[in-house]
Amino acid sequence: MAIEWKGVFPALTTKFTSSDQLDFPLFEKNLHAQLDAGVDGIILGGTLGEASVLSNDEKFDLVKFAVEKTNGKVPVVMNIAEGSTREAVRQAAEAKKQGAKGLMMLPPMRYKSDHRETVTYFKTVADSTDLPIMIYNNPVDYKIEVTLDMFAELVDNKNIQAVKESTRDVSNVTRMIKRFGNRFKILCGVDTLAMEELLMGADGWVAGLVCAFPNETVAVYRLTKERKIDEALKIYRWFLTLLELDIHPKLVQYIKLAEQETGIGSENVRAPRLTLTGEERKQVLNIIREGIKTRPNI
């Protein structure tokens, strides 16, 4: 299955039981909600997927399970967030073996690589696989920006096809298009900027709150692309307070709590993350419950 790199790609959370095991039945329930809403692909093992606390075996078990349950309906994309080039290459090979149809890749973790090192890292992994790759450009959280000059050096790697645009700079969409045309597909990676970036020419949305609100997310994307702006804005303005949960350091806990409230997830997280308590939990629940109470008909 080729990946078009357009539409809505949920960055799925990893579901855990109360005893800290992978909760495959709950993961499947959420997955079906995403497919029923009409998403265009799924991404596993990203920030929302708590990749940093998953073992490799767990990560690949999730890929294998998702591939089986999606049954070819949408491509399964696995995130690679590693400090070692050798390990990134190994994971790319294993992802393909388990049926993943694409990769999302962050720059090297834990070491702040320079321009040459960052480009070499991406090129080495891309040269090791024929899987299509989307680069995750998030300098705010991960401290390395994949600059336009870096992308210029990656043009010849044909399987580097897309970027998850998370610089928080909406004008970067225009910069990419102005310099590279449609060579790299652009998917917004920040929920609170999604409609703005789609209007500026982004091809898709790697979404977070979609994990709890799949129908609303898909509706905003489709209406915006159809240029039904007033209809899209009505939903997007309702959605914004919820979407702001995606840009907090505790986005995993916040979005998992939203999944629980909408009946397609649980708030279980893996340590060192802890479930919310006290006034913080109350405030987030108020936001979520008000959103559910006033959610529009789709």
Protein backbone atom coordinates (compact mmCIF):
# COMPACT_ATOMS: atom_id res chain seq x y z
CA MET A 1 0.00 0.00 0.00
CA ALA A 2 1.47 3.34 -1.05
CA ILE A 3 1.00 6.28 1.30
CA GLU A 4 -0.47 9.46 -0.11
CA TRP A 5 0.48 11.47 2.99
CA LYS A 6 -2.74 13.43 3.03
CA GLY A 7 -5.79 13.45 5.27
CA VAL A 8 -6.00 12.71 8.98
CA PHE A 9 -3.35 10.51 10.60
CA PRO A 10 -4.09 9.94 14.30
CA ALA A 11 -1.04 9.76 16.55
CA LEU A 12 -2.58 6.96 18.57
CA THR A 13 -2.09 6.59 22.30
CA THR A 14 -0.84 3.29 23.67
CA LYS A 15 -3.47 1.68 25.88
CA PHE A 16 -2.37 0.13 29.18
CA THR A 17 -4.25 -2.02 31.67
CA SER A 18 -4.33 -1.15 35.37
CA SER A 19 -1.49 -3.67 35.78
CA ASP A 20 0.67 -1.81 33.22
CA GLN A 21 0.33 -4.30 30.37
CA LEU A 22 -0.62 -3.44 26.80
CA ASP A 23 -4.41 -3.29 26.58
CA PHE A 24 -5.04 -4.68 23.11
CA PRO A 25 -8.86 -4.88 23.37
CA LEU A 26 -9.10 -1.19 24.30
CA PHE A 27 -6.58 -0.27 21.62
CA GLU A 28 -8.73 -2.11 19.09
CA LYS A 29 -11.87 -0.30 20.27
CA ASN A 30 -10.23 3.06 19.69
CA LEU A 31 -8.77 1.91 16.39
CA HIS A 32 -12.22 0.97 15.09
CA ALA A 33 -13.55 4.38 16.15
CA GLN A 34 -10.81 5.99 14.06
CA LEU A 35 -11.51 3.80 11.03
CA ASP A 36 -15.26 4.38 11.31
CA ALA A 37 -14.63 8.14 11.29
CA GLY A 38 -12.68 7.84 8.05
CA VAL A 39 -9.07 8.52 9.02
CA ASP A 40 -6.45 8.08 6.32
CA GLY A 41 -3.69 6.33 8.24
CA ILE A 42 -2.50 5.68 11.79
CA ILE A 43 0.78 6.42 13.54
CA LEU A 44 2.14 4.30 16.38
CA GLY A 45 4.88 4.96 18.89
CA GLY A 46 4.95 8.74 18.76
CA THR A 47 4.89 11.19 21.64
CA LEU A 48 1.27 10.38 22.39
CA GLY A 49 2.11 6.70 22.08
CA GLU A 50 4.54 7.00 25.03
CA ALA A 51 7.30 5.60 22.85
CA SER A 52 10.02 6.44 25.37
CA VAL A 53 8.62 3.93 27.87
CA LEU A 54 7.76 1.12 25.46
CA SER A 55 10.07 -1.84 24.98
CA ASN A 56 10.95 -2.69 21.42
CA ASP A 57 8.93 -5.89 21.72
CA GLU A 58 5.86 -3.93 22.81
CA LYS A 59 6.30 -1.44 20.00
CA PHE A 60 6.49 -4.12 17.34
CA ASP A 61 3.65 -6.10 18.91
CA LEU A 62 1.49 -2.98 18.53
CA VAL A 63 2.51 -2.61 14.89
CA LYS A 64 1.73 -6.25 14.15
CA PHE A 65 -1.63 -6.02 15.92
CA ALA A 66 -2.60 -2.77 14.18
CA VAL A 67 -1.65 -4.15 10.77
CA GLU A 68 -3.84 -7.17 11.38
CA LYS A 69 -6.82 -5.17 12.63
CA THR A 70 -6.70 -2.46 9.97
CA ASN A 71 -6.61 -5.23 7.36
CA GLY A 72 -5.33 -2.97 4.61
CA LYS A 73 -7.92 -0.23 5.11
CA VAL A 74 -5.30 2.41 5.96
CA PRO A 75 -1.50 2.40 6.18
CA VAL A 76 0.15 1.79 9.54
CA VAL A 77 3.09 4.13 10.19
CA MET A 78 5.62 3.53 12.97
CA ASN A 79 7.57 6.31 14.63
CA ILE A 80 11.32 6.04 15.13
CA ALA A 81 12.77 8.12 17.97
CA GLU A 82 16.24 6.80 18.70
CA GLY A 83 19.63 8.09 19.74
CA SER A 84 21.57 5.54 17.71
CA THR A 85 21.65 5.46 13.92
CA ARG A 86 22.30 1.72 14.05
CA GLU A 87 19.20 1.16 16.20
CA ALA A 88 17.09 3.39 13.95
CA VAL A 89 18.13 1.31 10.93
CA ARG A 90 17.31 -1.89 12.81
CA GLN A 91 13.89 -0.59 13.79
CA ALA A 92 13.12 0.45 10.22
CA ALA A 93 13.82 -3.10 9.05
CA GLU A 94 11.72 -4.62 11.83
CA ALA A 95 8.84 -2.23 11.17
CA LYS A 96 8.69 -3.42 7.57
CA LYS A 97 8.89 -7.05 8.68
CA GLN A 98 5.86 -6.51 10.95
CA GLY A 99 3.84 -4.94 8.14
CA ALA A 100 4.24 -1.21 8.64
CA LYS A 101 3.80 0.73 5.40
CA GLY A 102 5.73 3.82 6.44
CA LEU A 103 7.90 5.49 9.05
CA MET A 104 7.78 8.76 10.93
CA MET A 105 11.23 9.84 12.08
CA LEU A 106 12.50 12.30 14.63
CA PRO A 107 16.10 13.57 14.53
CA PRO A 108 18.50 11.78 16.88
CA MET A 109 17.38 11.70 20.50
CA ARG A 110 19.42 12.79 23.54
CA TYR A 111 22.27 14.21 21.45
CA LYS A 112 21.81 17.58 19.73
CA SER A 113 23.17 16.72 16.31
CA ASP A 114 24.38 19.49 14.01
CA HIS A 115 23.31 20.08 10.38
CA ARG A 116 25.64 17.49 8.84
CA GLU A 117 24.90 14.85 11.49
CA THR A 118 21.14 15.32 11.25
CA VAL A 119 21.10 15.03 7.46
CA THR A 120 23.40 12.00 7.56
CA TYR A 121 21.15 10.32 10.14
CA PHE A 122 18.06 10.69 7.96
CA LYS A 123 19.90 9.68 4.79
CA THR A 124 21.38 6.57 6.39
CA VAL A 125 18.02 5.29 7.58
CA ALA A 126 16.31 6.21 4.29
CA ASP A 127 19.00 4.41 2.30
CA SER A 128 18.49 1.28 4.42
CA THR A 129 14.78 0.83 3.59
CA ASP A 130 12.25 1.30 0.84
CA LEU A 131 9.52 2.36 3.30
CA PRO A 132 8.24 5.91 2.75
CA ILE A 133 9.32 8.32 5.48
CA MET A 134 7.77 11.39 7.08
CA ILE A 135 10.23 13.55 9.01
CA TYR A 136 8.90 14.87 12.32
CA ASN A 137 10.09 18.47 12.62
CA ASN A 138 9.48 19.56 16.21
CA PRO A 139 12.28 21.82 17.47
CA VAL A 140 10.12 23.15 20.31
CA ASP A 141 9.98 19.81 22.11
CA TYR A 142 12.97 17.95 20.67
CA LYS A 143 15.45 20.85 20.24
CA ILE A 144 16.63 20.08 16.70
CA GLU A 145 15.08 21.95 13.80
CA VAL A 146 15.07 20.28 10.42
CA THR A 147 15.73 23.40 8.38
CA LEU A 148 14.85 24.10 4.76
CA ASP A 149 18.53 23.73 3.90
CA MET A 150 18.49 20.27 5.44
CA PHE A 151 15.42 19.33 3.42
CA ALA A 152 17.27 20.53 0.31
CA GLU A 153 19.93 17.91 0.97
CA LEU A 154 17.27 15.21 1.42
CA VAL A 155 15.49 15.83 -1.88
CA ASP A 156 17.36 13.03 -3.65
CA ASN A 157 16.16 10.45 -1.11
CA LYS A 158 12.91 9.64 -2.87
CA ASN A 159 11.43 7.74 0.06
CA ILE A 160 11.69 10.82 2.29
CA GLN A 161 8.31 12.09 1.20
CA ALA A 162 6.67 14.19 3.90
CA VAL A 163 7.10 16.34 6.98
CA LYS A 164 5.10 16.50 10.16
CA GLU A 165 5.22 20.27 10.57
CA SER A 166 5.42 21.06 14.29
CA THR A 167 7.63 24.14 14.34
CA ARG A 168 4.62 26.19 15.60
CA ASP A 169 5.31 28.62 12.72
CA VAL A 170 2.38 28.59 10.29
CA SER A 171 4.43 30.45 7.67
CA ASN A 172 6.78 27.47 7.46
CA VAL A 173 4.13 25.78 5.32
CA THR A 174 4.49 28.56 2.77
CA ARG A 175 8.29 28.45 2.99
CA MET A 176 8.31 24.72 2.24
CA ILE A 177 5.93 25.06 -0.70
CA LYS A 178 7.75 28.09 -2.08
CA ARG A 179 11.10 26.30 -2.04
CA PHE A 180 10.12 22.71 -2.86
CA GLY A 181 6.71 22.87 -4.53
CA ASN A 182 4.94 19.59 -3.87
CA ARG A 183 8.15 17.56 -3.41
CA PHE A 184 7.41 17.10 0.31
CA LYS A 185 3.89 16.57 1.54
CA ILE A 186 3.14 18.68 4.62
CA LEU A 187 1.06 17.42 7.53
CA CYS A 188 0.28 19.76 10.41
CA GLY A 189 1.48 18.32 13.71
CA VAL A 190 0.01 20.90 16.09
CA ASP A 191 -3.72 20.59 16.74
CA THR A 192 -4.27 24.28 17.48
CA LEU A 193 -2.84 25.30 14.10
CA ALA A 194 -4.46 22.62 11.95
CA MET A 195 -7.10 24.61 10.11
CA GLU A 196 -4.72 27.51 9.57
CA GLU A 197 -2.04 25.28 8.06
CA LEU A 198 -4.55 23.37 5.92
CA LEU A 199 -5.73 26.69 4.50
CA MET A 200 -2.12 27.61 3.72
CA GLY A 201 -1.64 24.43 1.72
CA ALA A 202 -0.82 21.63 4.17
CA ASP A 203 -1.86 18.23 2.84
CA GLY A 204 -2.87 16.58 6.09
CA TRP A 205 -3.06 16.57 9.85
CA VAL A 206 -1.20 14.35 12.30
CA ALA A 207 -3.75 14.79 15.04
CA GLY A 208 -3.85 14.30 18.81
CA LEU A 209 -7.36 15.04 20.06
CA VAL A 210 -8.59 12.80 17.25
CA CYS A 211 -7.88 10.00 19.72
CA ALA A 212 -10.96 11.12 21.66
CA PHE A 213 -12.87 13.02 18.95
CA PRO A 214 -12.29 11.27 15.62
CA ASN A 215 -15.46 12.38 13.83
CA GLU A 216 -14.95 16.06 14.60
CA THR A 217 -11.31 15.95 13.52
CA VAL A 218 -12.08 14.32 10.19
CA ALA A 219 -14.94 16.78 9.63
CA VAL A 220 -12.68 19.81 10.14
CA TYR A 221 -10.13 18.39 7.69
CA ARG A 222 -12.64 17.51 4.99
CA LEU A 223 -14.69 20.70 5.23
CA THR A 224 -11.55 22.83 5.13
CA LYS A 225 -10.20 21.03 2.08
CA GLU A 226 -13.60 21.38 0.40
CA ARG A 227 -13.39 25.11 1.17
CA LYS A 228 -16.58 24.94 3.21
CA ILE A 229 -14.94 27.39 5.56
CA ASP A 230 -17.95 28.55 7.58
CA GLU A 231 -18.93 24.96 8.34
CA ALA A 232 -15.37 24.04 9.26
CA LEU A 233 -14.97 27.12 11.46
CA LYS A 234 -18.09 26.30 13.43
CA ILE A 235 -16.59 22.98 14.47
CA TYR A 236 -13.03 24.28 14.84
CA ARG A 237 -14.05 27.11 17.16
CA TRP A 238 -15.97 24.66 19.32
CA PHE A 239 -12.92 22.36 19.22
CA LEU A 240 -10.18 24.85 20.07
CA THR A 241 -10.32 24.64 23.87
CA LEU A 242 -10.03 20.87 23.59
CA LEU A 243 -7.27 21.10 21.00
CA GLU A 244 -5.23 23.20 23.42
CA LEU A 245 -4.82 20.06 25.53
CA ASP A 246 -2.43 18.90 22.78
CA ILE A 247 0.15 21.63 23.41
CA HIS A 248 0.70 21.03 27.13
CA PRO A 249 3.62 18.99 28.53
CA LYS A 250 1.03 16.58 29.96
CA LEU A 251 -0.73 16.13 26.62
CA VAL A 252 -0.60 12.34 27.06
CA GLN A 253 -2.47 12.43 30.37
CA TYR A 254 -4.91 15.07 29.12
CA ILE A 255 -5.77 13.29 25.88
CA LYS A 256 -6.03 9.90 27.56
CA LEU A 257 -8.47 11.39 30.06
CA ALA A 258 -10.49 12.72 27.11
CA GLU A 259 -10.47 9.25 25.53
CA GLN A 260 -11.81 7.82 28.76
CA GLU A 261 -14.59 10.40 28.93
CA THR A 262 -15.66 9.69 25.35
CA GLY A 263 -15.66 5.94 26.00
CA ILE A 264 -12.84 4.86 23.70
CA GLY A 265 -9.86 4.78 26.02
CA SER A 266 -8.59 4.94 29.57
CA GLU A 267 -6.45 7.35 31.55
CA ASN A 268 -3.85 4.69 32.39
CA VAL A 269 -0.33 5.90 31.65
CA ARG A 270 3.09 4.36 32.24
CA ALA A 271 5.51 5.74 34.82
CA PRO A 272 7.17 8.14 35.17
CA ARG A 273 3.92 9.69 33.95
CA LEU A 274 1.18 9.57 36.55
CA THR A 275 -2.55 9.94 36.12
CA LEU A 276 -3.94 13.35 36.99
CA THR A 277 -5.13 14.17 40.49
CA GLY A 278 -6.66 16.99 42.47
CA GLU A 279 -7.40 20.41 41.05
CA GLU A 280 -5.51 19.76 37.81
CA ARG A 281 -7.66 16.72 37.02
CA LYS A 282 -10.80 18.64 37.90
CA GLN A 283 -9.89 21.52 35.57
CA VAL A 284 -9.09 19.24 32.65
CA LEU A 285 -12.25 17.22 33.21
CA ASN A 286 -14.30 20.41 33.15
CA ILE A 287 -12.84 21.30 29.75
CA ILE A 288 -13.48 17.83 28.38
CA ARG A 289 -16.99 17.51 29.76
CA GLU A 290 -18.00 20.95 28.54
CA GLY A 291 -16.71 19.98 25.10
CA ILE A 292 -18.70 16.75 25.14
CA LYS A 293 -21.81 18.57 26.33
CA THR A 294 -21.63 21.13 23.52
CA ARG A 295 -20.14 18.99 20.75
CA PRO A 296 -21.70 19.67 17.34
CA ASN A 297 -23.66 17.18 15.30
CA ILE A 298 -21.49 15.84 12.50
